[in-house]
């Protein structure tokens, strides 16, 4: 008696499945090879979203687009040049002074820490730090990180000039992008681009404002308290202010330690003032400057910062929030229904249908560059109507 035959399982690989698999692997390989270039493009598009409203405002005042872009970038170069000329010599002087008087500053800081019961163990560690040790560490870091610093500067300049070219040639580039998208999706794509500009650009502009205010306020406080190396600490405060939640700790800690050279009372006052300003910034300035532009829960913000910091260090932490907000915008404006979400309500679908019908009527027979402009106009008109409706609803007195 023969044993029963086992059923055979046949796996047939179609040409379409094989092509999809090969395309996916090729895409992953290409991303791994070109991720730095893609990062430059992402940063450039963020800069475009931040600067484009200023360019359009100048256009509304009668300036041609090329002239408007030249004015904006000329102003940026001028500000950077003046700031460098004024601040760099002073910063170098303070760093040199810090190096020359390091032993005295170390001993003064250790004595101040001895006066604090909880900081006594830290005083012993401070006394063990030698100037030669710091010089050696700084030299090693300089040698090992110099190529990376040069590479980062080169990529930053590339992103800056790429943003310049995108702003100058916006209409033709947008037309090229829309030529690759079916006409039935042009209105959706225009909604995504407009929302990305508002969300990411608004976040970038707000971050520049809050960081500048933080650096200016810290500089005033430290100068009034006569804390040594105030400029270096204030610039550091403005840089780390871009990191939500952890930025406050990174600002207050070094400022407190530097202020100990002027006395424990002065250090505590500086710590309290900077801490109070951080609270004022997070509870008053940020809501007014940013509004609810990101619309990200606190947990999502922390996860995005951790992931960005793990993948790309400080740069990853800086761009993590705009990217996370951008992903949310794409999902919302492309009308992607997530598994746990309900479909869009009837009113939203009806407005989408009207916008797409108007676009189909106005863009019939026109090239892609003109179709992209028409889609942008329709999207902006609808956005203006929605803003007017929200303003009318917010100004309406509550019913009894």
Foldseek 3Di string as FASTA:
>chain_A
DDDDDDDDDDDDQDPVNVVVVVVVVVVVVVCVVCVLVVVLQVLLVLVLLQCVVQLVVVVVVPDDSLVSLCVVVVVVVVVVVVCCVPVVVVLVVLVVVCLVCVVVLLLLLLVLLCVPPVSNVVSVVSNPDDSVVVVVVVVVCCVVCVVVVVVVVVSNVSSNVVSSVCSVCVLVVLLVVLVVPDLLCLLLVLQLSVLLSQQSNLLVVLLLVVLVVQLVVQLVLCVVLVQGSSNVLSNVLSLLVLFPPCSLVVNLVVQLSSSCSSPNVSSVVSSVVSVVVVVCCVPPVCCVSNVCSQVDDPVQLVVLLVVLCVVPNPVRNNCSSSVNSSVVSSCVSSQPADPPHDHDDPVVVVLVVVLSVVLCVVCPPHRSSVSSVSSNVSSVVVVVVVVVVVVVVVPDDDDD
